[in-house]
Amino acid sequence: MQGTVLYGPGDVRFEERALPKIIHPTDAIIRISATCVCGSDLWPYRGIQPVAEPTPMGHEYCGIVEEVGGAVRSVRPGQFVIGSFFASDNTCPVCQHGYQSSCQHAEFVGGAQAPFLRVPLADGTLVATPDVPSDDLLPSLLATSDVLGTGWFAADAANVRPGSTVVVVGDGAVGLLGVLSARQMGAERIIAMSRHEARQKLARGFGATDVVTERGDEGLARVMDMTDGLGADSVLECVGTQESMQQAIRSARPGGYVGYVGVPHGVTLDGQELFFEHVHLHGGPAPVRQYLPELIALVWNGKIDPGKVFDLTLPLDQVAEGYRAMDERRAIKALLRP
């Protein structure tokens, strides 16, 4: 088969790769129905995260089970399934506490920007839909695999509750679906921080009540003015830079919560400053598997439409254009179809 391989900054190739095979009896092979480019894929694409060798890319996926190992019991060939970027057994003590992305037997699932994918620990990782979905549901079901699950975790980690005032830092796909998640959890006021008109429009469509275009001290001043000097109950940090983390922490009220899901790059925190901010910090790689059944049900029943974050759809063999479009901010998120 042909699949996506990153060789170095700006160098994405769609080239011959070996077909995946069952290695362990707990594996499954799925035929990809849809995959996409993640914002975190742009870190190595931009050279911010080093790439030591040619690396198969992609960790968001949904598709049809082709084959399962002899120990797999929860999914079978022919079913449509969705999984997350970390394989988990979903039975260890960490998984039982809801943190499957830190499973004691976790394995990163990569190489999904290809026609076929091997998924380890299939019983604990894959969730089947009630039936094979129609094509129009694919974007939203694919979103549950990571970008919606991550936005949902950001809102959950930030303790969003009915009536909350929420600030969302970051207007990429995760931030936008953080807005959707906060609205689903009952937030009364959602302030989206965005400078881009198309993203502002989508944020409002997902439930944002206000938009702040300023950043840094000016952005903080606007948030404080909008919250009568108090700050927000919950802040979702969905970028991963020093500036965005500081913006998030300072935008929370004393006793407020920051859910941070942007993969940190160059982020350092001043212990004394943090001590006197009096905020709760909770984040990390999203335990998407915890939320998958609920998120799939919301999509399946037409309650939410997170697939709207995909504003560019390409054939899989044009994956390099998907990377370019997102890197140049011509697209929010690129969906790829084999």
C-alpha atoms as a PDB file:
ATOM      1  CA  MET A   1       0.000   0.000   0.000  1.00  0.00           C
ATOM      2  CA  GLN A   2       0.977   3.664  -0.116  1.00  0.00           C
ATOM      3  CA  GLY A   3       0.973   5.761   3.037  1.00  0.00           C
ATOM      4  CA  THR A   4       2.108   9.072   4.487  1.00  0.00           C
ATOM      5  CA  VAL A   5       5.705   9.444   5.681  1.00  0.00           C
ATOM      6  CA  LEU A   6       7.329  12.561   7.133  1.00  0.00           C
ATOM      7  CA  TYR A   7      11.015  12.835   6.246  1.00  0.00           C
ATOM      8  CA  GLY A   8      11.738  16.225   7.771  1.00  0.00           C
ATOM      9  CA  PRO A   9      10.433  19.794   8.013  1.00  0.00           C
ATOM     10  CA  GLY A  10       8.009  20.421   5.154  1.00  0.00           C
ATOM     11  CA  ASP A  11       8.808  17.067   3.555  1.00  0.00           C
ATOM     12  CA  VAL A  12       5.687  14.866   3.535  1.00  0.00           C
ATOM     13  CA  ARG A  13       5.594  12.001   1.047  1.00  0.00           C
ATOM     14  CA  PHE A  14       2.937   9.526   0.018  1.00  0.00           C
ATOM     15  CA  GLU A  15       4.951   6.429  -0.738  1.00  0.00           C
ATOM     16  CA  GLU A  16       5.075   2.653  -0.682  1.00  0.00           C
ATOM     17  CA  ARG A  17       4.770   1.068   2.751  1.00  0.00           C
ATOM     18  CA  ALA A  18       4.256  -2.508   3.890  1.00  0.00           C
ATOM     19  CA  LEU A  19       0.705  -3.626   4.522  1.00  0.00           C
ATOM     20  CA  PRO A  20       0.134  -3.959   8.273  1.00  0.00           C
ATOM     21  CA  LYS A  21      -0.239  -7.472   9.640  1.00  0.00           C
ATOM     22  CA  ILE A  22      -1.455  -9.030  12.863  1.00  0.00           C
ATOM     23  CA  ILE A  23       1.564  -9.204  15.186  1.00  0.00           C
ATOM     24  CA  HIS A  24      -0.079  -9.994  18.511  1.00  0.00           C
ATOM     25  CA  PRO A  25      -3.317 -11.907  19.110  1.00  0.00           C
ATOM     26  CA  THR A  26      -4.800  -8.745  20.614  1.00  0.00           C
ATOM     27  CA  ASP A  27      -4.340  -6.749  17.350  1.00  0.00           C
ATOM     28  CA  ALA A  28      -6.885  -5.736  14.741  1.00  0.00           C
ATOM     29  CA  ILE A  29      -6.388  -4.525  11.178  1.00  0.00           C
ATOM     30  CA  ILE A  30      -8.796  -1.880   9.960  1.00  0.00           C
ATOM     31  CA  ARG A  31      -9.433  -0.507   6.491  1.00  0.00           C
ATOM     32  CA  ILE A  32      -9.432   3.262   6.882  1.00  0.00           C
ATOM     33  CA  SER A  33     -12.635   5.057   5.850  1.00  0.00           C
ATOM     34  CA  ALA A  34     -11.392   8.508   6.851  1.00  0.00           C
ATOM     35  CA  THR A  35      -8.348  10.026   8.499  1.00  0.00           C
ATOM     36  CA  CYS A  36      -6.986  13.554   8.796  1.00  0.00           C
ATOM     37  CA  VAL A  37      -4.105  15.869   9.615  1.00  0.00           C
ATOM     38  CA  CYS A  38      -3.845  16.827  13.286  1.00  0.00           C
ATOM     39  CA  GLY A  39      -2.607  20.166  14.569  1.00  0.00           C
ATOM     40  CA  SER A  40       0.033  18.246  16.524  1.00  0.00           C
ATOM     41  CA  ASP A  41       1.324  16.817  13.214  1.00  0.00           C
ATOM     42  CA  LEU A  42       2.397  20.355  12.367  1.00  0.00           C
ATOM     43  CA  TRP A  43       4.998  20.469  15.163  1.00  0.00           C
ATOM     44  CA  PRO A  44       7.360  18.034  13.402  1.00  0.00           C
ATOM     45  CA  TYR A  45       6.252  19.316   9.976  1.00  0.00           C
ATOM     46  CA  ARG A  46       7.462  22.785  10.996  1.00  0.00           C
ATOM     47  CA  GLY A  47      10.701  21.442  12.461  1.00  0.00           C
ATOM     48  CA  ILE A  48       9.784  22.402  16.030  1.00  0.00           C
ATOM     49  CA  GLN A  49       9.741  18.740  17.040  1.00  0.00           C
ATOM     50  CA  PRO A  50      12.754  16.828  15.632  1.00  0.00           C
ATOM     51  CA  VAL A  51      12.232  13.882  13.283  1.00  0.00           C
ATOM     52  CA  ALA A  52      15.098  11.386  13.633  1.00  0.00           C
ATOM     53  CA  GLU A  53      14.041   9.158  10.734  1.00  0.00           C
ATOM     54  CA  PRO A  54      11.269   8.827   8.118  1.00  0.00           C
ATOM     55  CA  THR A  55       8.107   8.508  10.204  1.00  0.00           C
ATOM     56  CA  PRO A  56       4.687   7.135   9.188  1.00  0.00           C
ATOM     57  CA  MET A  57       2.130   9.778  10.087  1.00  0.00           C
ATOM     58  CA  GLY A  58      -1.451   9.985  11.313  1.00  0.00           C
ATOM     59  CA  HIS A  59      -3.201   9.015  14.541  1.00  0.00           C
ATOM     60  CA  GLU A  60      -6.885   9.857  13.928  1.00  0.00           C
ATOM     61  CA  TYR A  61      -8.900   7.120  12.283  1.00  0.00           C
ATOM     62  CA  CYS A  62     -12.135   5.275  11.716  1.00  0.00           C
ATOM     63  CA  GLY A  63     -12.947   2.392   9.425  1.00  0.00           C
ATOM     64  CA  ILE A  64     -13.977  -1.196   8.853  1.00  0.00           C
ATOM     65  CA  VAL A  65     -12.428  -4.115  10.719  1.00  0.00           C
ATOM     66  CA  GLU A  66     -10.663  -6.360   8.188  1.00  0.00           C
ATOM     67  CA  GLU A  67      -9.031  -8.903  10.473  1.00  0.00           C
ATOM     68  CA  VAL A  68      -8.637  -9.582  14.200  1.00  0.00           C
ATOM     69  CA  GLY A  69      -6.159 -11.568  16.265  1.00  0.00           C
ATOM     70  CA  GLY A  70      -7.182 -14.757  17.984  1.00  0.00           C
ATOM     71  CA  ALA A  71      -7.660 -13.096  21.395  1.00  0.00           C
ATOM     72  CA  VAL A  72      -9.929 -10.256  20.212  1.00  0.00           C
ATOM     73  CA  ARG A  73     -13.510 -10.549  21.450  1.00  0.00           C
ATOM     74  CA  SER A  74     -15.178  -7.122  21.377  1.00  0.00           C
ATOM     75  CA  VAL A  75     -14.972  -6.316  17.645  1.00  0.00           C
ATOM     76  CA  ARG A  76     -15.276  -8.472  14.542  1.00  0.00           C
ATOM     77  CA  PRO A  77     -14.590  -8.152  10.811  1.00  0.00           C
ATOM     78  CA  GLY A  78     -17.128  -6.002   8.999  1.00  0.00           C
ATOM     79  CA  GLN A  79     -17.846  -3.679  11.913  1.00  0.00           C
ATOM     80  CA  PHE A  80     -17.217   0.066  11.663  1.00  0.00           C
ATOM     81  CA  VAL A  81     -14.960   1.147  14.522  1.00  0.00           C
ATOM     82  CA  ILE A  82     -13.291   4.219  15.972  1.00  0.00           C
ATOM     83  CA  GLY A  83     -10.217   4.288  18.171  1.00  0.00           C
ATOM     84  CA  SER A  84      -7.952   6.812  19.811  1.00  0.00           C
ATOM     85  CA  PHE A  85      -4.297   7.708  19.348  1.00  0.00           C
ATOM     86  CA  PHE A  86      -3.232   5.602  22.344  1.00  0.00           C
ATOM     87  CA  ALA A  87      -4.084   1.925  22.419  1.00  0.00           C
ATOM     88  CA  SER A  88      -5.138   0.819  25.891  1.00  0.00           C
ATOM     89  CA  ASP A  89      -6.270  -2.400  27.521  1.00  0.00           C
ATOM     90  CA  ASN A  90      -9.114  -0.487  29.268  1.00  0.00           C
ATOM     91  CA  THR A  91      -8.789  -2.828  32.255  1.00  0.00           C
ATOM     92  CA  CYS A  92      -5.676  -1.718  34.185  1.00  0.00           C
ATOM     93  CA  PRO A  93      -6.091   0.468  37.307  1.00  0.00           C
ATOM     94  CA  VAL A  94      -5.174   3.627  35.387  1.00  0.00           C
ATOM     95  CA  CYS A  95      -7.783   2.879  32.713  1.00  0.00           C
ATOM     96  CA  GLN A  96     -10.361   2.179  35.389  1.00  0.00           C
ATOM     97  CA  HIS A  97      -9.749   5.689  36.717  1.00  0.00           C
ATOM     98  CA  GLY A  98     -10.486   7.039  33.227  1.00  0.00           C
ATOM     99  CA  TYR A  99      -6.958   7.794  31.986  1.00  0.00           C
ATOM    100  CA  GLN A 100      -6.591   5.302  29.153  1.00  0.00           C
ATOM    101  CA  SER A 101      -3.954   7.455  27.429  1.00  0.00           C
ATOM    102  CA  SER A 102      -1.698   6.603  30.398  1.00  0.00           C
ATOM    103  CA  CYS A 103      -2.656   2.911  30.418  1.00  0.00           C
ATOM    104  CA  GLN A 104       0.012   0.728  31.989  1.00  0.00           C
ATOM    105  CA  HIS A 105       0.241  -1.065  28.627  1.00  0.00           C
ATOM    106  CA  ALA A 106      -0.364   1.954  26.370  1.00  0.00           C
ATOM    107  CA  GLU A 107       0.980   1.985  22.827  1.00  0.00           C
ATOM    108  CA  PHE A 108       0.906   4.999  20.520  1.00  0.00           C
ATOM    109  CA  VAL A 109      -1.142   4.334  17.396  1.00  0.00           C
ATOM    110  CA  GLY A 110       0.594   5.929  14.413  1.00  0.00           C
ATOM    111  CA  GLY A 111       0.588   5.529  10.662  1.00  0.00           C
ATOM    112  CA  ALA A 112      -3.140   6.121  10.197  1.00  0.00           C
ATOM    113  CA  GLN A 113      -2.733   8.355   7.128  1.00  0.00           C
ATOM    114  CA  ALA A 114      -2.792   5.219   4.999  1.00  0.00           C
ATOM    115  CA  PRO A 115      -5.398   2.785   3.620  1.00  0.00           C
ATOM    116  CA  PHE A 116      -4.885   0.193   6.398  1.00  0.00           C
ATOM    117  CA  LEU A 117      -3.855   0.364  10.047  1.00  0.00           C
ATOM    118  CA  ARG A 118      -2.858  -2.093  12.755  1.00  0.00           C
ATOM    119  CA  VAL A 119      -4.469  -1.268  16.084  1.00  0.00           C
ATOM    120  CA  PRO A 120      -2.941  -2.951  19.173  1.00  0.00           C
ATOM    121  CA  LEU A 121      -5.048  -3.907  22.190  1.00  0.00           C
ATOM    122  CA  ALA A 122      -8.129  -3.856  19.990  1.00  0.00           C
ATOM    123  CA  ASP A 123     -10.590  -4.921  22.696  1.00  0.00           C
ATOM    124  CA  GLY A 124      -9.693  -1.964  24.887  1.00  0.00           C
ATOM    125  CA  THR A 125      -9.095   0.578  22.125  1.00  0.00           C
ATOM    126  CA  LEU A 126     -11.769   0.225  19.433  1.00  0.00           C
ATOM    127  CA  VAL A 127     -15.436   1.115  19.820  1.00  0.00           C
ATOM    128  CA  ALA A 128     -17.937  -0.110  17.232  1.00  0.00           C
ATOM    129  CA  THR A 129     -20.809   2.022  15.958  1.00  0.00           C
ATOM    130  CA  PRO A 130     -24.347   0.586  15.914  1.00  0.00           C
ATOM    131  CA  ASP A 131     -24.056  -0.014  12.170  1.00  0.00           C
ATOM    132  CA  VAL A 132     -21.889   1.000   9.217  1.00  0.00           C
ATOM    133  CA  PRO A 133     -22.518   4.752   8.926  1.00  0.00           C
ATOM    134  CA  SER A 134     -23.474   6.724   5.854  1.00  0.00           C
ATOM    135  CA  ASP A 135     -20.782   8.910   4.299  1.00  0.00           C
ATOM    136  CA  ASP A 136     -22.284  12.096   5.676  1.00  0.00           C
ATOM    137  CA  LEU A 137     -21.562  10.941   9.249  1.00  0.00           C
ATOM    138  CA  LEU A 138     -17.891  10.134   8.603  1.00  0.00           C
ATOM    139  CA  PRO A 139     -16.436  13.596   9.367  1.00  0.00           C
ATOM    140  CA  SER A 140     -18.163  13.827  12.745  1.00  0.00           C
ATOM    141  CA  LEU A 141     -17.380  10.230  13.684  1.00  0.00           C
ATOM    142  CA  LEU A 142     -13.738  10.760  12.721  1.00  0.00           C
ATOM    143  CA  ALA A 143     -13.676  13.857  14.953  1.00  0.00           C
ATOM    144  CA  THR A 144     -14.480  11.704  17.987  1.00  0.00           C
ATOM    145  CA  SER A 145     -11.186   9.818  17.472  1.00  0.00           C
ATOM    146  CA  ASP A 146      -9.090  12.719  18.729  1.00  0.00           C
ATOM    147  CA  VAL A 147     -10.005  16.322  18.092  1.00  0.00           C
ATOM    148  CA  LEU A 148     -13.449  16.191  19.726  1.00  0.00           C
ATOM    149  CA  GLY A 149     -12.231  13.825  22.438  1.00  0.00           C
ATOM    150  CA  THR A 150      -9.402  16.232  23.202  1.00  0.00           C
ATOM    151  CA  GLY A 151     -11.687  19.271  23.271  1.00  0.00           C
ATOM    152  CA  TRP A 152     -14.062  17.320  25.527  1.00  0.00           C
ATOM    153  CA  PHE A 153     -11.231  16.424  27.898  1.00  0.00           C
ATOM    154  CA  ALA A 154     -10.166  20.082  28.003  1.00  0.00           C
ATOM    155  CA  ALA A 155     -13.663  21.040  29.152  1.00  0.00           C
ATOM    156  CA  ASP A 156     -13.894  18.130  31.579  1.00  0.00           C
ATOM    157  CA  ALA A 157     -10.442  18.868  33.037  1.00  0.00           C
ATOM    158  CA  ALA A 158     -11.456  22.528  33.395  1.00  0.00           C
ATOM    159  CA  ASN A 159     -14.476  21.426  35.451  1.00  0.00           C
ATOM    160  CA  VAL A 160     -17.060  23.004  33.141  1.00  0.00           C
ATOM    161  CA  ARG A 161     -20.445  22.843  34.811  1.00  0.00           C
ATOM    162  CA  PRO A 162     -23.947  24.127  34.028  1.00  0.00           C
ATOM    163  CA  GLY A 163     -23.881  27.902  34.346  1.00  0.00           C
ATOM    164  CA  SER A 164     -20.086  28.203  34.080  1.00  0.00           C
ATOM    165  CA  THR A 165     -18.240  31.075  32.458  1.00  0.00           C
ATOM    166  CA  VAL A 166     -15.615  29.580  30.146  1.00  0.00           C
ATOM    167  CA  VAL A 167     -12.676  30.992  28.195  1.00  0.00           C
ATOM    168  CA  VAL A 168     -11.226  29.001  25.300  1.00  0.00           C
ATOM    169  CA  VAL A 169      -7.638  29.865  24.346  1.00  0.00           C
ATOM    170  CA  GLY A 170      -6.909  28.656  20.811  1.00  0.00           C
ATOM    171  CA  ASP A 171      -9.097  28.692  17.699  1.00  0.00           C
ATOM    172  CA  GLY A 172      -7.763  25.575  16.000  1.00  0.00           C
ATOM    173  CA  ALA A 173      -9.913  22.493  15.636  1.00  0.00           C
ATOM    174  CA  VAL A 174      -9.391  21.423  19.269  1.00  0.00           C
ATOM    175  CA  GLY A 175     -10.261  24.865  20.612  1.00  0.00           C
ATOM    176  CA  LEU A 176     -13.360  25.067  18.431  1.00  0.00           C
ATOM    177  CA  LEU A 177     -14.541  21.677  19.632  1.00  0.00           C
ATOM    178  CA  GLY A 178     -13.674  22.746  23.159  1.00  0.00           C
ATOM    179  CA  VAL A 179     -16.329  25.420  22.621  1.00  0.00           C
ATOM    180  CA  LEU A 180     -18.800  22.747  21.470  1.00  0.00           C
ATOM    181  CA  SER A 181     -17.909  20.586  24.466  1.00  0.00           C
ATOM    182  CA  ALA A 182     -18.348  23.406  26.960  1.00  0.00           C
ATOM    183  CA  ARG A 183     -21.762  24.176  25.486  1.00  0.00           C
ATOM    184  CA  GLN A 184     -22.780  20.503  25.750  1.00  0.00           C
ATOM    185  CA  MET A 185     -21.720  20.534  29.392  1.00  0.00           C
ATOM    186  CA  GLY A 186     -24.012  23.479  30.089  1.00  0.00           C
ATOM    187  CA  ALA A 187     -21.693  26.484  30.151  1.00  0.00           C
ATOM    188  CA  GLU A 188     -23.685  29.721  30.213  1.00  0.00           C
ATOM    189  CA  ARG A 189     -21.020  32.010  28.791  1.00  0.00           C
ATOM    190  CA  ILE A 190     -18.233  30.921  26.448  1.00  0.00           C
ATOM    191  CA  ILE A 191     -15.566  33.417  25.440  1.00  0.00           C
ATOM    192  CA  ALA A 192     -13.589  32.278  22.398  1.00  0.00           C
ATOM    193  CA  MET A 193     -10.220  33.928  21.812  1.00  0.00           C
ATOM    194  CA  SER A 194      -9.762  34.197  18.042  1.00  0.00           C
ATOM    195  CA  ARG A 195      -8.419  36.636  15.470  1.00  0.00           C
ATOM    196  CA  HIS A 196      -9.772  34.832  12.424  1.00  0.00           C
ATOM    197  CA  GLU A 197     -13.230  35.618  11.063  1.00  0.00           C
ATOM    198  CA  ALA A 198     -13.999  32.145   9.687  1.00  0.00           C
ATOM    199  CA  ARG A 199     -13.000  30.525  12.959  1.00  0.00           C
ATOM    200  CA  GLN A 200     -14.970  33.072  14.966  1.00  0.00           C
ATOM    201  CA  LYS A 201     -18.061  32.221  12.923  1.00  0.00           C
ATOM    202  CA  LEU A 202     -17.583  28.503  13.538  1.00  0.00           C
ATOM    203  CA  ALA A 203     -16.975  29.124  17.254  1.00  0.00           C
ATOM    204  CA  ARG A 204     -20.260  31.007  17.501  1.00  0.00           C
ATOM    205  CA  GLY A 205     -21.981  28.192  15.636  1.00  0.00           C
ATOM    206  CA  PHE A 206     -20.639  25.745  18.215  1.00  0.00           C
ATOM    207  CA  GLY A 207     -21.916  27.871  21.091  1.00  0.00           C
ATOM    208  CA  ALA A 208     -19.504  30.741  21.816  1.00  0.00           C
ATOM    209  CA  THR A 209     -21.326  33.745  23.247  1.00  0.00           C
ATOM    210  CA  ASP A 210     -18.407  36.176  22.935  1.00  0.00           C
ATOM    211  CA  VAL A 211     -15.213  36.564  20.925  1.00  0.00           C
ATOM    212  CA  VAL A 212     -11.999  38.250  22.069  1.00  0.00           C
ATOM    213  CA  THR A 213      -9.564  39.143  19.291  1.00  0.00           C
ATOM    214  CA  GLU A 214      -6.793  40.552  21.502  1.00  0.00           C
ATOM    215  CA  ARG A 215      -3.945  38.473  22.923  1.00  0.00           C
ATOM    216  CA  GLY A 216      -1.452  38.830  25.770  1.00  0.00           C
ATOM    217  CA  ASP A 217      -2.088  41.594  28.301  1.00  0.00           C
ATOM    218  CA  GLU A 218      -4.748  43.164  26.091  1.00  0.00           C
ATOM    219  CA  GLY A 219      -6.579  39.859  25.796  1.00  0.00           C
ATOM    220  CA  LEU A 220      -6.393  39.331  29.543  1.00  0.00           C
ATOM    221  CA  ALA A 221      -7.738  42.839  30.160  1.00  0.00           C
ATOM    222  CA  ARG A 222     -10.708  42.125  27.864  1.00  0.00           C
ATOM    223  CA  VAL A 223     -11.511  38.878  29.675  1.00  0.00           C
ATOM    224  CA  MET A 224     -11.299  40.590  33.053  1.00  0.00           C
ATOM    225  CA  ASP A 225     -13.524  43.408  31.836  1.00  0.00           C
ATOM    226  CA  MET A 226     -16.086  40.892  30.568  1.00  0.00           C
ATOM    227  CA  THR A 227     -16.076  38.993  33.886  1.00  0.00           C
ATOM    228  CA  ASP A 228     -16.263  42.052  36.172  1.00  0.00           C
ATOM    229  CA  GLY A 229     -12.624  41.673  37.149  1.00  0.00           C
ATOM    230  CA  LEU A 230     -13.038  38.118  38.409  1.00  0.00           C
ATOM    231  CA  GLY A 231     -11.861  35.853  35.600  1.00  0.00           C
ATOM    232  CA  ALA A 232     -13.454  32.704  34.231  1.00  0.00           C
ATOM    233  CA  ASP A 233     -14.589  29.651  36.164  1.00  0.00           C
ATOM    234  CA  SER A 234     -13.009  27.398  33.542  1.00  0.00           C
ATOM    235  CA  VAL A 235     -10.310  27.980  30.930  1.00  0.00           C
ATOM    236  CA  LEU A 236      -9.467  25.595  28.104  1.00  0.00           C
ATOM    237  CA  GLU A 237      -5.856  25.875  26.872  1.00  0.00           C
ATOM    238  CA  CYS A 238      -5.729  24.372  23.383  1.00  0.00           C
ATOM    239  CA  VAL A 239      -2.448  25.611  21.871  1.00  0.00           C
ATOM    240  CA  GLY A 240       0.636  24.565  23.846  1.00  0.00           C
ATOM    241  CA  THR A 241       2.834  27.681  23.808  1.00  0.00           C
ATOM    242  CA  GLN A 242       4.199  29.760  26.663  1.00  0.00           C
ATOM    243  CA  GLU A 243       1.930  32.643  25.702  1.00  0.00           C
ATOM    244  CA  SER A 244      -1.221  30.522  25.525  1.00  0.00           C
ATOM    245  CA  MET A 245      -0.543  28.819  28.849  1.00  0.00           C
ATOM    246  CA  GLN A 246       0.072  32.129  30.596  1.00  0.00           C
ATOM    247  CA  GLN A 247      -3.060  33.552  28.971  1.00  0.00           C
ATOM    248  CA  ALA A 248      -5.069  30.601  30.259  1.00  0.00           C
ATOM    249  CA  ILE A 249      -3.776  30.660  33.834  1.00  0.00           C
ATOM    250  CA  ARG A 250      -4.225  34.411  34.205  1.00  0.00           C
ATOM    251  CA  SER A 251      -7.725  34.318  32.701  1.00  0.00           C
ATOM    252  CA  ALA A 252      -9.021  31.984  35.424  1.00  0.00           C
ATOM    253  CA  ARG A 253     -10.583  33.311  38.596  1.00  0.00           C
ATOM    254  CA  PRO A 254      -9.055  32.418  41.961  1.00  0.00           C
ATOM    255  CA  GLY A 255     -10.161  28.851  42.593  1.00  0.00           C
ATOM    256  CA  GLY A 256     -10.887  28.393  38.882  1.00  0.00           C
ATOM    257  CA  TYR A 257      -9.782  25.544  36.643  1.00  0.00           C
ATOM    258  CA  VAL A 258      -7.481  25.331  33.620  1.00  0.00           C
ATOM    259  CA  GLY A 259      -7.748  22.284  31.365  1.00  0.00           C
ATOM    260  CA  TYR A 260      -4.668  22.179  29.154  1.00  0.00           C
ATOM    261  CA  VAL A 261      -4.484  19.921  26.137  1.00  0.00           C
ATOM    262  CA  GLY A 262      -2.200  21.787  23.747  1.00  0.00           C
ATOM    263  CA  VAL A 263       0.992  19.703  23.458  1.00  0.00           C
ATOM    264  CA  PRO A 264       3.484  21.948  25.336  1.00  0.00           C
ATOM    265  CA  HIS A 265       6.482  23.284  23.435  1.00  0.00           C
ATOM    266  CA  GLY A 266       8.812  25.574  25.341  1.00  0.00           C
ATOM    267  CA  VAL A 267       6.371  26.008  28.226  1.00  0.00           C
ATOM    268  CA  THR A 268       7.798  26.732  31.681  1.00  0.00           C
ATOM    269  CA  LEU A 269       5.825  27.738  34.752  1.00  0.00           C
ATOM    270  CA  ASP A 270       6.990  29.998  37.552  1.00  0.00           C
ATOM    271  CA  GLY A 271       6.230  28.145  40.777  1.00  0.00           C
ATOM    272  CA  GLN A 272       5.795  31.247  42.920  1.00  0.00           C
ATOM    273  CA  GLU A 273       3.552  32.969  40.393  1.00  0.00           C
ATOM    274  CA  LEU A 274       1.481  29.809  40.010  1.00  0.00           C
ATOM    275  CA  PHE A 275       1.221  29.477  43.789  1.00  0.00           C
ATOM    276  CA  PHE A 276      -0.459  32.873  44.112  1.00  0.00           C
ATOM    277  CA  GLU A 277      -2.728  32.409  41.073  1.00  0.00           C
ATOM    278  CA  HIS A 278      -4.697  29.856  43.130  1.00  0.00           C
ATOM    279  CA  VAL A 279      -5.914  27.871  40.094  1.00  0.00           C
ATOM    280  CA  HIS A 280      -6.358  24.165  39.422  1.00  0.00           C
ATOM    281  CA  LEU A 281      -4.271  22.828  36.515  1.00  0.00           C
ATOM    282  CA  HIS A 282      -5.288  19.548  34.912  1.00  0.00           C
ATOM    283  CA  GLY A 283      -4.317  18.281  31.483  1.00  0.00           C
ATOM    284  CA  GLY A 284      -2.271  15.928  29.384  1.00  0.00           C
ATOM    285  CA  PRO A 285      -2.894  13.585  26.460  1.00  0.00           C
ATOM    286  CA  ALA A 286      -6.654  13.246  26.252  1.00  0.00           C
ATOM    287  CA  PRO A 287      -8.044   9.899  27.466  1.00  0.00           C
ATOM    288  CA  VAL A 288     -10.295   9.769  24.404  1.00  0.00           C
ATOM    289  CA  ARG A 289     -11.295   6.141  25.021  1.00  0.00           C
ATOM    290  CA  GLN A 290     -13.082   7.222  28.203  1.00  0.00           C
ATOM    291  CA  TYR A 291     -15.394   9.464  26.205  1.00  0.00           C
ATOM    292  CA  LEU A 292     -15.776   7.551  22.920  1.00  0.00           C
ATOM    293  CA  PRO A 293     -19.067   5.751  23.666  1.00  0.00           C
ATOM    294  CA  GLU A 294     -20.758   8.983  24.749  1.00  0.00           C
ATOM    295  CA  LEU A 295     -19.351  11.050  21.891  1.00  0.00           C
ATOM    296  CA  ILE A 296     -20.236   8.439  19.270  1.00  0.00           C
ATOM    297  CA  ALA A 297     -23.793   8.338  20.618  1.00  0.00           C
ATOM    298  CA  LEU A 298     -24.111  12.133  20.447  1.00  0.00           C
ATOM    299  CA  VAL A 299     -22.972  12.106  16.819  1.00  0.00           C
ATOM    300  CA  TRP A 300     -25.015   9.045  15.857  1.00  0.00           C
ATOM    301  CA  ASN A 301     -28.179  10.557  17.306  1.00  0.00           C
ATOM    302  CA  GLY A 302     -27.635  13.912  15.585  1.00  0.00           C
ATOM    303  CA  LYS A 303     -27.083  15.888  18.782  1.00  0.00           C
ATOM    304  CA  ILE A 304     -23.751  17.387  17.679  1.00  0.00           C
ATOM    305  CA  ASP A 305     -21.950  17.943  14.373  1.00  0.00           C
ATOM    306  CA  PRO A 306     -18.225  18.283  15.188  1.00  0.00           C
ATOM    307  CA  GLY A 307     -17.324  17.370  11.601  1.00  0.00           C
ATOM    308  CA  LYS A 308     -17.832  21.033  10.666  1.00  0.00           C
ATOM    309  CA  VAL A 309     -14.215  21.640  11.731  1.00  0.00           C
ATOM    310  CA  PHE A 310     -13.117  19.862   8.548  1.00  0.00           C
ATOM    311  CA  ASP A 311     -13.098  22.656   5.989  1.00  0.00           C
ATOM    312  CA  LEU A 312     -10.889  20.838   3.485  1.00  0.00           C
ATOM    313  CA  THR A 313     -11.393  17.320   2.124  1.00  0.00           C
ATOM    314  CA  LEU A 314      -8.741  15.696  -0.041  1.00  0.00           C
ATOM    315  CA  PRO A 315      -7.929  12.289  -1.498  1.00  0.00           C
ATOM    316  CA  LEU A 316      -5.374  10.584   0.723  1.00  0.00           C
ATOM    317  CA  ASP A 317      -2.708  10.757  -1.983  1.00  0.00           C
ATOM    318  CA  GLN A 318      -2.893  14.574  -1.755  1.00  0.00           C
ATOM    319  CA  VAL A 319      -1.982  14.520   1.934  1.00  0.00           C
ATOM    320  CA  ALA A 320       0.970  16.885   1.396  1.00  0.00           C
ATOM    321  CA  GLU A 321      -1.467  19.608   0.347  1.00  0.00           C
ATOM    322  CA  GLY A 322      -3.420  18.997   3.547  1.00  0.00           C
ATOM    323  CA  TYR A 323      -0.295  19.684   5.585  1.00  0.00           C
ATOM    324  CA  ARG A 324       0.513  22.803   3.558  1.00  0.00           C
ATOM    325  CA  ALA A 325      -3.010  24.170   3.846  1.00  0.00           C
ATOM    326  CA  MET A 326      -3.077  23.768   7.621  1.00  0.00           C
ATOM    327  CA  ASP A 327       0.459  25.076   8.046  1.00  0.00           C
ATOM    328  CA  GLU A 328      -0.438  28.196   6.045  1.00  0.00           C
ATOM    329  CA  ARG A 329      -3.772  28.514   7.910  1.00  0.00           C
ATOM    330  CA  ARG A 330      -5.717  28.135   4.672  1.00  0.00           C
ATOM    331  CA  ALA A 331      -7.583  25.310   6.371  1.00  0.00           C
ATOM    332  CA  ILE A 332      -8.660  24.613   9.936  1.00  0.00           C
ATOM    333  CA  LYS A 333      -8.454  20.845   9.523  1.00  0.00           C
ATOM    334  CA  ALA A 334      -7.933  18.603   6.506  1.00  0.00           C
ATOM    335  CA  LEU A 335      -9.927  15.375   6.145  1.00  0.00           C
ATOM    336  CA  LEU A 336      -8.365  12.632   4.003  1.00  0.00           C
ATOM    337  CA  ARG A 337     -10.236   9.873   2.187  1.00  0.00           C
ATOM    338  CA  PRO A 338      -8.391   6.811   0.833  1.00  0.00           C
END
